[in-house]
């Protein structure tokens, strides 16, 4: 078996380098720590053959991401766009209808620029009301199905319950959590690039 794998590695087609654009908020922007300690930097180390462009901005909403996206697409010309947005929309109680419309426009803009899309599921705390939380979460699943794109389960589900992985504000993951987020994202990046 090892000989077969080695043969494929040696004789198979070379892995082409891809440009991956991360469009996110504070979770992607390594809020509260140096950027080189964040999960995006972790992905750079895991995938040295690819280029990662971190277009994440702390406090970003889907509307803000949508406004910035055309320039980011033009400058980076990504093969893959990873969208990690919506948390700030939810924390501000923004309309789920508008949230879905913004994300839809982000997805279609990326696809029209010939980029594949990875969408990260986002959830809001249950204290925002079960109806809003359900609608909020469902729209990510609906968008993934409607646009035939991969949906990454919300990585904070594995982080937020553990205080030792969170910053004092109880919202943002700390340095200890970043390798776990990298590990969470890694197979999805691989799957998207193989799609």
Protein backbone atom coordinates (compact mmCIF):
# COMPACT_ATOMS: atom_id res chain seq x y z
CA UNK A 1 0.00 0.00 0.00
CA UNK A 2 2.80 2.41 0.91
CA UNK A 3 4.47 1.71 -2.45
CA UNK A 4 1.23 2.57 -4.27
CA UNK A 5 0.82 5.81 -2.35
CA UNK A 6 4.47 6.73 -2.94
CA UNK A 7 4.10 5.95 -6.64
CA UNK A 8 1.03 8.23 -6.86
CA UNK A 9 2.87 11.01 -5.07
CA UNK A 10 5.87 10.74 -7.37
CA UNK A 11 4.10 10.18 -10.69
CA UNK A 12 0.77 11.92 -10.08
CA UNK A 13 -0.06 15.39 -11.25
CA UNK A 14 1.56 18.11 -9.13
CA UNK A 15 -0.65 19.91 -6.66
CA UNK A 16 -1.30 23.33 -8.13
CA UNK A 17 -1.00 26.35 -5.89
CA UNK A 18 -4.26 28.06 -5.01
CA UNK A 19 -5.08 31.47 -3.59
CA UNK A 20 -7.52 31.31 -0.69
CA UNK A 21 -9.25 34.48 0.49
CA UNK A 22 -10.70 34.59 4.01
CA UNK A 23 -13.56 37.07 4.35
CA UNK A 24 -14.30 37.20 8.05
CA UNK A 25 -14.80 39.20 11.21
CA UNK A 26 -12.88 39.26 14.50
CA UNK A 27 -12.81 35.45 14.64
CA UNK A 28 -10.78 35.46 11.43
CA UNK A 29 -8.82 38.60 12.28
CA UNK A 30 -7.26 37.06 15.43
CA UNK A 31 -8.87 39.62 17.73
CA UNK A 32 -6.96 40.09 20.98
CA UNK A 33 -3.73 38.48 19.79
CA UNK A 34 -1.01 38.91 17.17
CA UNK A 35 -2.23 37.85 13.72
CA UNK A 36 0.57 35.30 13.43
CA UNK A 37 -0.99 33.34 16.31
CA UNK A 38 -4.39 33.00 14.64
CA UNK A 39 -5.94 30.05 12.82
CA UNK A 40 -5.43 31.64 9.39
CA UNK A 41 -1.68 31.64 10.02
CA UNK A 42 -2.08 28.02 11.17
CA UNK A 43 -3.62 27.18 7.80
CA UNK A 44 -0.72 28.90 6.02
CA UNK A 45 1.63 26.56 7.83
CA UNK A 46 -0.53 23.50 7.10
CA UNK A 47 -0.83 24.39 3.39
CA UNK A 48 2.52 26.00 2.48
CA UNK A 49 1.89 25.36 -1.23
CA UNK A 50 -1.11 27.71 -1.19
CA UNK A 51 -1.43 31.45 -0.62
CA UNK A 52 -3.80 32.69 2.08
CA UNK A 53 -5.10 36.25 1.96
CA UNK A 54 -6.75 37.28 5.22
CA UNK A 55 -9.44 39.84 4.42
CA UNK A 56 -10.97 39.62 7.90
CA UNK A 57 -11.77 42.76 9.89
CA UNK A 58 -12.88 42.86 13.53
CA UNK A 59 -16.47 44.05 13.88
CA UNK A 60 -17.26 43.27 10.25
CA UNK A 61 -20.85 42.61 9.17
CA UNK A 62 -22.07 40.89 6.01
CA UNK A 63 -22.89 44.33 4.56
CA UNK A 64 -19.33 45.51 5.22
CA UNK A 65 -17.87 42.34 3.76
CA UNK A 66 -20.03 42.73 0.68
CA UNK A 67 -18.81 46.32 0.19
CA UNK A 68 -15.16 45.29 0.46
CA UNK A 69 -15.38 42.10 -1.59
CA UNK A 70 -15.08 43.48 -5.16
CA UNK A 71 -11.73 45.12 -4.36
CA UNK A 72 -10.50 41.98 -2.58
CA UNK A 73 -11.49 39.79 -5.52
CA UNK A 74 -9.73 42.14 -7.91
CA UNK A 75 -6.51 42.33 -5.88
CA UNK A 76 -6.18 38.68 -4.82
CA UNK A 77 -8.00 36.81 -7.64
CA UNK A 78 -8.78 33.89 -5.31
CA UNK A 79 -9.45 30.32 -6.35
CA UNK A 80 -11.38 29.81 -3.12
CA UNK A 81 -13.31 32.20 -0.89
CA UNK A 82 -13.93 31.20 2.72
CA UNK A 83 -16.79 33.26 4.19
CA UNK A 84 -16.81 33.63 7.98
CA UNK A 85 -19.37 36.38 8.48
CA UNK A 86 -22.70 36.93 10.20
CA UNK A 87 -21.77 36.89 13.88
CA UNK A 88 -21.88 40.67 14.21
CA UNK A 89 -25.16 40.82 12.29
CA UNK A 90 -26.60 38.38 14.80
CA UNK A 91 -25.22 40.16 17.86
CA UNK A 92 -26.88 43.35 16.63
CA UNK A 93 -30.17 41.58 15.94
CA UNK A 94 -30.12 42.38 12.23
CA UNK A 95 -32.81 40.95 9.96
CA UNK A 96 -32.15 37.38 8.83
CA UNK A 97 -33.69 38.29 5.47
CA UNK A 98 -31.06 40.99 4.90
CA UNK A 99 -28.31 38.74 6.27
CA UNK A 100 -29.21 36.02 3.78
CA UNK A 101 -29.40 38.53 0.91
CA UNK A 102 -25.94 39.91 1.76
CA UNK A 103 -24.41 36.44 1.94
CA UNK A 104 -26.12 35.46 -1.31
CA UNK A 105 -24.57 38.48 -3.04
CA UNK A 106 -21.14 37.64 -1.59
CA UNK A 107 -21.42 34.06 -2.87
CA UNK A 108 -22.59 35.04 -6.36
CA UNK A 109 -19.92 37.75 -6.65
CA UNK A 110 -17.22 35.21 -5.81
CA UNK A 111 -18.62 32.61 -8.18
CA UNK A 112 -18.86 35.15 -10.99
CA UNK A 113 -15.15 35.81 -10.37
CA UNK A 114 -14.55 32.05 -10.86
CA UNK A 115 -13.83 31.36 -7.19
CA UNK A 116 -15.15 28.33 -5.35
CA UNK A 117 -16.87 29.16 -2.06
CA UNK A 118 -16.69 27.71 1.43
CA UNK A 119 -19.30 29.02 3.89
CA UNK A 120 -18.82 28.83 7.63
CA UNK A 121 -21.95 28.20 9.65
CA UNK A 122 -22.57 30.85 12.32
CA UNK A 123 -24.84 30.55 15.34
CA UNK A 124 -26.18 33.13 17.77
CA UNK A 125 -26.58 32.52 21.52
CA UNK A 126 -29.98 31.10 22.54
CA UNK A 127 -30.77 34.21 24.61
CA UNK A 128 -31.56 35.98 21.32
CA UNK A 129 -34.73 33.90 21.24
CA UNK A 130 -35.26 30.42 19.82
CA UNK A 131 -37.16 31.64 16.75
CA UNK A 132 -34.45 34.12 15.70
CA UNK A 133 -31.66 31.62 16.49
CA UNK A 134 -33.37 28.91 14.41
CA UNK A 135 -33.97 31.23 11.44
CA UNK A 136 -30.42 32.54 11.70
CA UNK A 137 -28.84 29.09 11.65
CA UNK A 138 -31.15 27.70 8.96
CA UNK A 139 -30.25 30.37 6.40
CA UNK A 140 -26.64 29.10 6.25
CA UNK A 141 -27.86 25.60 5.44
CA UNK A 142 -30.30 26.98 2.88
CA UNK A 143 -27.60 29.04 1.16
CA UNK A 144 -25.22 26.06 1.00
CA UNK A 145 -27.94 23.94 -0.63
CA UNK A 146 -29.13 26.67 -3.00
CA UNK A 147 -25.63 27.46 -4.27
CA UNK A 148 -24.18 23.94 -4.06
CA UNK A 149 -21.33 24.98 -1.78
CA UNK A 150 -19.71 23.33 1.22
CA UNK A 151 -20.88 24.41 4.67
CA UNK A 152 -18.39 24.22 7.52
CA UNK A 153 -20.05 23.44 10.88
CA UNK A 154 -19.63 26.33 13.33
CA UNK A 155 -16.20 25.85 14.90
CA UNK A 156 -17.06 27.83 18.04
CA UNK A 157 -19.31 24.95 19.16
CA UNK A 158 -16.11 23.12 20.11
CA UNK A 159 -14.48 26.19 21.69
CA UNK A 160 -17.06 28.34 23.50
CA UNK A 161 -18.08 25.75 26.15
CA UNK A 162 -14.50 25.68 27.50
CA UNK A 163 -13.49 28.83 29.45
CA UNK A 164 -9.81 27.93 29.15
CA UNK A 165 -10.12 28.39 25.36
CA UNK A 166 -11.89 31.75 25.56
CA UNK A 167 -10.76 35.31 26.14
CA UNK A 168 -12.11 37.22 29.14
CA UNK A 169 -14.92 38.74 27.08
CA UNK A 170 -16.47 35.28 26.68
CA UNK A 171 -16.93 35.92 22.94
CA UNK A 172 -13.53 35.47 21.32
CA UNK A 173 -11.29 32.40 21.33
CA UNK A 174 -7.83 32.78 22.83
CA UNK A 175 -4.40 31.63 21.63
CA UNK A 176 -4.91 28.10 22.96
CA UNK A 177 -8.00 27.71 20.78
CA UNK A 178 -6.35 28.70 17.49
CA UNK A 179 -4.66 25.32 16.71
CA UNK A 180 -8.02 23.62 17.33
CA UNK A 181 -9.73 25.97 14.86
CA UNK A 182 -6.95 25.32 12.33
CA UNK A 183 -7.49 21.58 12.75
CA UNK A 184 -11.27 22.09 12.35
CA UNK A 185 -10.83 24.04 9.10
CA UNK A 186 -8.11 21.91 7.53
CA UNK A 187 -10.21 19.03 6.10
CA UNK A 188 -12.76 21.48 4.70
CA UNK A 189 -10.06 23.44 2.89
CA UNK A 190 -8.72 20.18 1.49
CA UNK A 191 -12.20 19.06 0.40
CA UNK A 192 -12.95 22.40 -1.27
CA UNK A 193 -9.68 22.41 -3.19
CA UNK A 194 -10.34 18.87 -4.42
CA UNK A 195 -13.93 19.66 -5.48
